[in-house]
Amino acid sequence: MQDLKITIIQADLHWEDIGANLAMFEEKIWQIGESTDVIVLPEMFTTGFSMKAPKLAEYMNMRTFKWMEADGDQTGH
């Protein structure tokens, strides 16, 4: 059985700024520098724990989902 490598990323979030948060986490993921099987990000990592869910909510398979899918493909992590 192979060991499971988990990377946890914690960061100060940009309040209600999805684009800035995605860019910041993309940079942090690129800086991991070693192979990892799972990357764990904070809950509500795109919005900064905003209570404005209707304003910031996304449909499935939209911006954040596509970002997560593409980032995993590009980094090889």
PDB file of N, CA and C in Angstrom:
ATOM      1  N   MET A   1       0.844  -1.185   0.000  1.00  0.00           N
ATOM      2  CA  MET A   1       0.000   0.000   0.000  1.00  0.00           C
ATOM      3  C   MET A   1       0.889   1.248   0.000  1.00  0.00           C
ATOM      4  N   GLN A   2       0.546   2.208  -0.841  1.00  0.00           N
ATOM      5  CA  GLN A   2       1.294   3.450  -0.963  1.00  0.00           C
ATOM      6  C   GLN A   2       0.806   4.469   0.064  1.00  0.00           C
ATOM      7  N   ASP A   3       1.726   5.293   0.584  1.00  0.00           N
ATOM      8  CA  ASP A   3       1.351   6.365   1.502  1.00  0.00           C
ATOM      9  C   ASP A   3       0.577   7.445   0.755  1.00  0.00           C
ATOM     10  N   LEU A   4      -0.329   8.093   1.451  1.00  0.00           N
ATOM     11  CA  LEU A   4      -1.113   9.181   0.896  1.00  0.00           C
ATOM     12  C   LEU A   4      -0.491  10.493   1.342  1.00  0.00           C
ATOM     13  N   LYS A   5      -0.089  11.333   0.395  1.00  0.00           N
ATOM     14  CA  LYS A   5       0.536  12.624   0.697  1.00  0.00           C
ATOM     15  C   LYS A   5      -0.528  13.713   0.625  1.00  0.00           C
ATOM     16  N   ILE A   6      -0.775  14.392   1.760  1.00  0.00           N
ATOM     17  CA  ILE A   6      -1.780  15.448   1.853  1.00  0.00           C
ATOM     18  C   ILE A   6      -1.084  16.770   2.135  1.00  0.00           C
ATOM     19  N   THR A   7      -1.449  17.801   1.380  1.00  0.00           N
ATOM     20  CA  THR A   7      -0.926  19.148   1.590  1.00  0.00           C
ATOM     21  C   THR A   7      -2.072  20.038   2.026  1.00  0.00           C
ATOM     22  N   ILE A   8      -1.891  20.752   3.142  1.00  0.00           N
ATOM     23  CA  ILE A   8      -2.905  21.669   3.660  1.00  0.00           C
ATOM     24  C   ILE A   8      -2.411  23.094   3.441  1.00  0.00           C
ATOM     25  N   ILE A   9      -3.259  23.929   2.852  1.00  0.00           N
ATOM     26  CA  ILE A   9      -2.893  25.322   2.609  1.00  0.00           C
ATOM     27  C   ILE A   9      -3.841  26.216   3.394  1.00  0.00           C
ATOM     28  N   GLN A  10      -3.290  27.051   4.243  1.00  0.00           N
ATOM     29  CA  GLN A  10      -4.057  28.030   5.009  1.00  0.00           C
ATOM     30  C   GLN A  10      -3.545  29.410   4.617  1.00  0.00           C
ATOM     31  N   ALA A  11      -4.437  30.381   4.457  1.00  0.00           N
ATOM     32  CA  ALA A  11      -4.020  31.713   4.036  1.00  0.00           C
ATOM     33  C   ALA A  11      -5.054  32.742   4.463  1.00  0.00           C
ATOM     34  N   ASP A  12      -4.618  34.000   4.507  1.00  0.00           N
ATOM     35  CA  ASP A  12      -5.552  35.106   4.711  1.00  0.00           C
ATOM     36  C   ASP A  12      -6.327  35.282   3.417  1.00  0.00           C
ATOM     37  N   LEU A  13      -7.646  35.307   3.518  1.00  0.00           N
ATOM     38  CA  LEU A  13      -8.491  35.382   2.329  1.00  0.00           C
ATOM     39  C   LEU A  13      -8.820  36.818   1.966  1.00  0.00           C
ATOM     40  N   HIS A  14      -9.063  37.045   0.676  1.00  0.00           N
ATOM     41  CA  HIS A  14      -9.508  38.341   0.171  1.00  0.00           C
ATOM     42  C   HIS A  14     -11.030  38.355   0.271  1.00  0.00           C
ATOM     43  N   TRP A  15     -11.566  39.261   1.059  1.00  0.00           N
ATOM     44  CA  TRP A  15     -12.988  39.289   1.367  1.00  0.00           C
ATOM     45  C   TRP A  15     -13.834  39.458   0.110  1.00  0.00           C
ATOM     46  N   GLU A  16     -14.679  38.466  -0.164  1.00  0.00           N
ATOM     47  CA  GLU A  16     -15.650  38.476  -1.245  1.00  0.00           C
ATOM     48  C   GLU A  16     -15.013  38.722  -2.615  1.00  0.00           C
ATOM     49  N   ASP A  17     -13.774  38.318  -2.803  1.00  0.00           N
ATOM     50  CA  ASP A  17     -13.072  38.524  -4.073  1.00  0.00           C
ATOM     51  C   ASP A  17     -12.610  37.170  -4.618  1.00  0.00           C
ATOM     52  N   ILE A  18     -13.489  36.521  -5.344  1.00  0.00           N
ATOM     53  CA  ILE A  18     -13.219  35.176  -5.840  1.00  0.00           C
ATOM     54  C   ILE A  18     -11.976  35.145  -6.713  1.00  0.00           C
ATOM     55  N   GLY A  19     -11.846  36.091  -7.623  1.00  0.00           N
ATOM     56  CA  GLY A  19     -10.696  36.124  -8.526  1.00  0.00           C
ATOM     57  C   GLY A  19      -9.377  36.239  -7.789  1.00  0.00           C
ATOM     58  N   ALA A  20      -9.314  37.127  -6.803  1.00  0.00           N
ATOM     59  CA  ALA A  20      -8.085  37.305  -6.031  1.00  0.00           C
ATOM     60  C   ALA A  20      -7.758  36.057  -5.229  1.00  0.00           C
ATOM     61  N   ASN A  21      -8.768  35.423  -4.648  1.00  0.00           N
ATOM     62  CA  ASN A  21      -8.526  34.195  -3.880  1.00  0.00           C
ATOM     63  C   ASN A  21      -8.060  33.052  -4.767  1.00  0.00           C
ATOM     64  N   LEU A  22      -8.674  32.892  -5.932  1.00  0.00           N
ATOM     65  CA  LEU A  22      -8.237  31.830  -6.841  1.00  0.00           C
ATOM     66  C   LEU A  22      -6.799  32.065  -7.296  1.00  0.00           C
ATOM     67  N   ALA A  23      -6.463  33.311  -7.610  1.00  0.00           N
ATOM     68  CA  ALA A  23      -5.094  33.630  -8.032  1.00  0.00           C
ATOM     69  C   ALA A  23      -4.099  33.351  -6.914  1.00  0.00           C
ATOM     70  N   MET A  24      -4.440  33.732  -5.687  1.00  0.00           N
ATOM     71  CA  MET A  24      -3.553  33.515  -4.548  1.00  0.00           C
ATOM     72  C   MET A  24      -3.327  32.025  -4.308  1.00  0.00           C
ATOM     73  N   PHE A  25      -4.399  31.238  -4.313  1.00  0.00           N
ATOM     74  CA  PHE A  25      -4.247  29.809  -4.070  1.00  0.00           C
ATOM     75  C   PHE A  25      -3.548  29.113  -5.231  1.00  0.00           C
ATOM     76  N   GLU A  26      -3.760  29.580  -6.444  1.00  0.00           N
ATOM     77  CA  GLU A  26      -3.038  29.008  -7.576  1.00  0.00           C
ATOM     78  C   GLU A  26      -1.525  29.193  -7.381  1.00  0.00           C
ATOM     79  N   GLU A  27      -1.127  30.370  -6.954  1.00  0.00           N
ATOM     80  CA  GLU A  27       0.300  30.637  -6.690  1.00  0.00           C
ATOM     81  C   GLU A  27       0.821  29.729  -5.574  1.00  0.00           C
ATOM     82  N   LYS A  28       0.059  29.585  -4.514  1.00  0.00           N
ATOM     83  CA  LYS A  28       0.482  28.725  -3.407  1.00  0.00           C
ATOM     84  C   LYS A  28       0.585  27.259  -3.837  1.00  0.00           C
ATOM     85  N   ILE A  29      -0.328  26.820  -4.682  1.00  0.00           N
ATOM     86  CA  ILE A  29      -0.280  25.441  -5.173  1.00  0.00           C
ATOM     87  C   ILE A  29       0.957  25.238  -6.035  1.00  0.00           C
ATOM     88  N   TRP A  30       1.264  26.209  -6.884  1.00  0.00           N
ATOM     89  CA  TRP A  30       2.461  26.102  -7.730  1.00  0.00           C
ATOM     90  C   TRP A  30       3.724  26.035  -6.887  1.00  0.00           C
ATOM     91  N   GLN A  31       3.712  26.617  -5.699  1.00  0.00           N
ATOM     92  CA  GLN A  31       4.893  26.660  -4.837  1.00  0.00           C
ATOM     93  C   GLN A  31       5.068  25.406  -3.985  1.00  0.00           C
ATOM     94  N   ILE A  32       4.169  24.450  -4.062  1.00  0.00           N
ATOM     95  CA  ILE A  32       4.276  23.245  -3.232  1.00  0.00           C
ATOM     96  C   ILE A  32       5.605  22.551  -3.463  1.00  0.00           C
ATOM     97  N   GLY A  33       6.014  22.384  -4.701  1.00  0.00           N
ATOM     98  CA  GLY A  33       7.347  21.885  -5.001  1.00  0.00           C
ATOM     99  C   GLY A  33       7.585  20.397  -4.834  1.00  0.00           C
ATOM    100  N   GLU A  34       6.593  19.640  -4.471  1.00  0.00           N
ATOM    101  CA  GLU A  34       6.741  18.198  -4.358  1.00  0.00           C
ATOM    102  C   GLU A  34       5.417  17.535  -4.716  1.00  0.00           C
ATOM    103  N   SER A  35       5.483  16.273  -5.008  1.00  0.00           N
ATOM    104  CA  SER A  35       4.288  15.544  -5.391  1.00  0.00           C
ATOM    105  C   SER A  35       3.336  15.422  -4.198  1.00  0.00           C
ATOM    106  N   THR A  36       2.047  15.587  -4.455  1.00  0.00           N
ATOM    107  CA  THR A  36       1.041  15.442  -3.414  1.00  0.00           C
ATOM    108  C   THR A  36      -0.201  14.804  -4.024  1.00  0.00           C
ATOM    109  N   ASP A  37      -0.918  14.037  -3.233  1.00  0.00           N
ATOM    110  CA  ASP A  37      -2.121  13.358  -3.714  1.00  0.00           C
ATOM    111  C   ASP A  37      -3.384  14.191  -3.497  1.00  0.00           C
ATOM    112  N   VAL A  38      -3.427  14.936  -2.400  1.00  0.00           N
ATOM    113  CA  VAL A  38      -4.609  15.714  -2.035  1.00  0.00           C
ATOM    114  C   VAL A  38      -4.154  17.079  -1.536  1.00  0.00           C
ATOM    115  N   ILE A  39      -4.837  18.129  -2.011  1.00  0.00           N
ATOM    116  CA  ILE A  39      -4.597  19.485  -1.511  1.00  0.00           C
ATOM    117  C   ILE A  39      -5.870  19.933  -0.817  1.00  0.00           C
ATOM    118  N   VAL A  40      -5.752  20.330   0.454  1.00  0.00           N
ATOM    119  CA  VAL A  40      -6.901  20.761   1.246  1.00  0.00           C
ATOM    120  C   VAL A  40      -6.848  22.277   1.391  1.00  0.00           C
ATOM    121  N   LEU A  41      -7.944  22.934   0.983  1.00  0.00           N
ATOM    122  CA  LEU A  41      -8.065  24.386   1.092  1.00  0.00           C
ATOM    123  C   LEU A  41      -9.099  24.727   2.158  1.00  0.00           C
ATOM    124  N   PRO A  42      -9.073  25.952   2.674  1.00  0.00           N
ATOM    125  CA  PRO A  42     -10.038  26.333   3.715  1.00  0.00           C
ATOM    126  C   PRO A  42     -11.479  26.310   3.212  1.00  0.00           C
ATOM    127  N   GLU A  43     -12.386  26.078   4.135  1.00  0.00           N
ATOM    128  CA  GLU A  43     -13.801  26.172   3.821  1.00  0.00           C
ATOM    129  C   GLU A  43     -14.087  27.583   3.310  1.00  0.00           C
ATOM    130  N   MET A  44     -14.901  27.696   2.287  1.00  0.00           N
ATOM    131  CA  MET A  44     -15.264  28.988   1.692  1.00  0.00           C
ATOM    132  C   MET A  44     -14.040  29.769   1.224  1.00  0.00           C
ATOM    133  N   PHE A  45     -13.060  29.053   0.673  1.00  0.00           N
ATOM    134  CA  PHE A  45     -11.791  29.671   0.286  1.00  0.00           C
ATOM    135  C   PHE A  45     -11.928  30.711  -0.816  1.00  0.00           C
ATOM    136  N   THR A  46     -13.032  30.723  -1.536  1.00  0.00           N
ATOM    137  CA  THR A  46     -13.177  31.705  -2.604  1.00  0.00           C
ATOM    138  C   THR A  46     -13.794  33.019  -2.143  1.00  0.00           C
ATOM    139  N   THR A  47     -14.537  32.992  -1.031  1.00  0.00           N
ATOM    140  CA  THR A  47     -15.310  34.183  -0.650  1.00  0.00           C
ATOM    141  C   THR A  47     -14.947  34.799   0.694  1.00  0.00           C
ATOM    142  N   GLY A  48     -14.155  34.137   1.483  1.00  0.00           N
ATOM    143  CA  GLY A  48     -13.785  34.705   2.775  1.00  0.00           C
ATOM    144  C   GLY A  48     -14.891  34.671   3.808  1.00  0.00           C
ATOM    145  N   PHE A  49     -15.688  33.634   3.840  1.00  0.00           N
ATOM    146  CA  PHE A  49     -16.739  33.442   4.845  1.00  0.00           C
ATOM    147  C   PHE A  49     -17.808  34.528   4.805  1.00  0.00           C
ATOM    148  N   SER A  50     -18.092  35.013   3.632  1.00  0.00           N
ATOM    149  CA  SER A  50     -19.123  36.032   3.456  1.00  0.00           C
ATOM    150  C   SER A  50     -20.495  35.442   3.750  1.00  0.00           C
ATOM    151  N   MET A  51     -21.381  36.276   4.213  1.00  0.00           N
ATOM    152  CA  MET A  51     -22.765  35.866   4.448  1.00  0.00           C
ATOM    153  C   MET A  51     -23.651  36.220   3.253  1.00  0.00           C
ATOM    154  N   LYS A  52     -23.047  36.678   2.163  1.00  0.00           N
ATOM    155  CA  LYS A  52     -23.803  37.062   0.969  1.00  0.00           C
ATOM    156  C   LYS A  52     -23.829  35.916  -0.038  1.00  0.00           C
ATOM    157  N   ALA A  53     -24.301  34.773   0.397  1.00  0.00           N
ATOM    158  CA  ALA A  53     -24.307  33.577  -0.444  1.00  0.00           C
ATOM    159  C   ALA A  53     -25.021  33.780  -1.783  1.00  0.00           C
ATOM    160  N   PRO A  54     -26.193  34.392  -1.819  1.00  0.00           N
ATOM    161  CA  PRO A  54     -26.858  34.561  -3.121  1.00  0.00           C
ATOM    162  C   PRO A  54     -26.019  35.383  -4.112  1.00  0.00           C
ATOM    163  N   LYS A  55     -25.288  36.368  -3.606  1.00  0.00           N
ATOM    164  CA  LYS A  55     -24.470  37.228  -4.466  1.00  0.00           C
ATOM    165  C   LYS A  55     -23.242  36.481  -5.003  1.00  0.00           C
ATOM    166  N   LEU A  56     -22.661  35.606  -4.207  1.00  0.00           N
ATOM    167  CA  LEU A  56     -21.383  34.983  -4.545  1.00  0.00           C
ATOM    168  C   LEU A  56     -21.491  33.527  -4.979  1.00  0.00           C
ATOM    169  N   ALA A  57     -22.667  32.941  -4.862  1.00  0.00           N
ATOM    170  CA  ALA A  57     -22.835  31.525  -5.196  1.00  0.00           C
ATOM    171  C   ALA A  57     -22.565  31.275  -6.679  1.00  0.00           C
ATOM    172  N   GLU A  58     -22.081  30.070  -6.963  1.00  0.00           N
ATOM    173  CA  GLU A  58     -21.820  29.670  -8.343  1.00  0.00           C
ATOM    174  C   GLU A  58     -22.578  28.382  -8.642  1.00  0.00           C
ATOM    175  N   TYR A  59     -22.960  28.214  -9.885  1.00  0.00           N
ATOM    176  CA  TYR A  59     -23.539  26.947 -10.313  1.00  0.00           C
ATOM    177  C   TYR A  59     -22.421  25.915 -10.421  1.00  0.00           C
ATOM    178  N   MET A  60     -22.786  24.648 -10.269  1.00  0.00           N
ATOM    179  CA  MET A  60     -21.828  23.564 -10.419  1.00  0.00           C
ATOM    180  C   MET A  60     -21.206  23.638 -11.810  1.00  0.00           C
ATOM    181  N   ASN A  61     -19.967  23.238 -11.913  1.00  0.00           N
ATOM    182  CA  ASN A  61     -19.214  23.226 -13.172  1.00  0.00           C
ATOM    183  C   ASN A  61     -18.925  24.620 -13.715  1.00  0.00           C
ATOM    184  N   MET A  62     -18.907  25.614 -12.864  1.00  0.00           N
ATOM    185  CA  MET A  62     -18.612  26.967 -13.329  1.00  0.00           C
ATOM    186  C   MET A  62     -17.194  27.373 -12.911  1.00  0.00           C
ATOM    187  N   ARG A  63     -16.972  28.622 -12.623  1.00  0.00           N
ATOM    188  CA  ARG A  63     -15.643  29.204 -12.452  1.00  0.00           C
ATOM    189  C   ARG A  63     -14.734  28.453 -11.483  1.00  0.00           C
ATOM    190  N   THR A  64     -15.152  28.272 -10.246  1.00  0.00           N
ATOM    191  CA  THR A  64     -14.288  27.631  -9.248  1.00  0.00           C
ATOM    192  C   THR A  64     -14.061  26.165  -9.578  1.00  0.00           C
ATOM    193  N   PHE A  65     -15.086  25.467 -10.006  1.00  0.00           N
ATOM    194  CA  PHE A  65     -14.934  24.060 -10.384  1.00  0.00           C
ATOM    195  C   PHE A  65     -13.941  23.925 -11.533  1.00  0.00           C
ATOM    196  N   LYS A  66     -14.083  24.766 -12.547  1.00  0.00           N
ATOM    197  CA  LYS A  66     -13.167  24.725 -13.694  1.00  0.00           C
ATOM    198  C   LYS A  66     -11.748  25.068 -13.268  1.00  0.00           C
ATOM    199  N   TRP A  67     -11.596  26.022 -12.333  1.00  0.00           N
ATOM    200  CA  TRP A  67     -10.283  26.389 -11.810  1.00  0.00           C
ATOM    201  C   TRP A  67      -9.640  25.197 -11.106  1.00  0.00           C
ATOM    202  N   MET A  68     -10.413  24.530 -10.268  1.00  0.00           N
ATOM    203  CA  MET A  68      -9.882  23.377  -9.540  1.00  0.00           C
ATOM    204  C   MET A  68      -9.476  22.259 -10.495  1.00  0.00           C
ATOM    205  N   GLU A  69     -10.296  22.001 -11.482  1.00  0.00           N
ATOM    206  CA  GLU A  69     -10.009  20.968 -12.461  1.00  0.00           C
ATOM    207  C   GLU A  69      -8.772  21.315 -13.285  1.00  0.00           C
ATOM    208  N   ALA A  70      -8.659  22.544 -13.754  1.00  0.00           N
ATOM    209  CA  ALA A  70      -7.525  22.967 -14.579  1.00  0.00           C
ATOM    210  C   ALA A  70      -6.247  23.033 -13.766  1.00  0.00           C
ATOM    211  N   ASP A  71      -6.314  23.516 -12.531  1.00  0.00           N
ATOM    212  CA  ASP A  71      -5.115  23.658 -11.717  1.00  0.00           C
ATOM    213  C   ASP A  71      -4.498  22.296 -11.434  1.00  0.00           C
ATOM    214  N   GLY A  72      -5.305  21.315 -11.158  1.00  0.00           N
ATOM    215  CA  GLY A  72      -4.782  19.972 -10.915  1.00  0.00           C
ATOM    216  C   GLY A  72      -4.095  19.396 -12.145  1.00  0.00           C
ATOM    217  N   ASP A  73      -4.646  19.681 -13.307  1.00  0.00           N
ATOM    218  CA  ASP A  73      -4.051  19.209 -14.551  1.00  0.00           C
ATOM    219  C   ASP A  73      -2.732  19.909 -14.840  1.00  0.00           C
ATOM    220  N   GLN A  74      -2.655  21.209 -14.568  1.00  0.00           N
ATOM    221  CA  GLN A  74      -1.485  22.005 -14.921  1.00  0.00           C
ATOM    222  C   GLN A  74      -0.312  21.788 -13.980  1.00  0.00           C
ATOM    223  N   THR A  75      -0.590  21.599 -12.702  1.00  0.00           N
ATOM    224  CA  THR A  75       0.499  21.481 -11.743  1.00  0.00           C
ATOM    225  C   THR A  75       1.055  20.078 -11.661  1.00  0.00           C
ATOM    226  N   GLY A  76       0.274  19.105 -12.028  1.00  0.00           N
ATOM    227  CA  GLY A  76       0.725  17.720 -11.912  1.00  0.00           C
ATOM    228  C   GLY A  76       0.694  17.224 -10.480  1.00  0.00           C
ATOM    229  N   HIS A  77       0.085  17.992  -9.571  1.00  0.00           N
ATOM    230  CA  HIS A  77      -0.010  17.594  -8.159  1.00  0.00           C
ATOM    231  C   HIS A  77      -1.170  16.656  -7.976  1.00  0.00           C
TER     232      HIS A  77
END
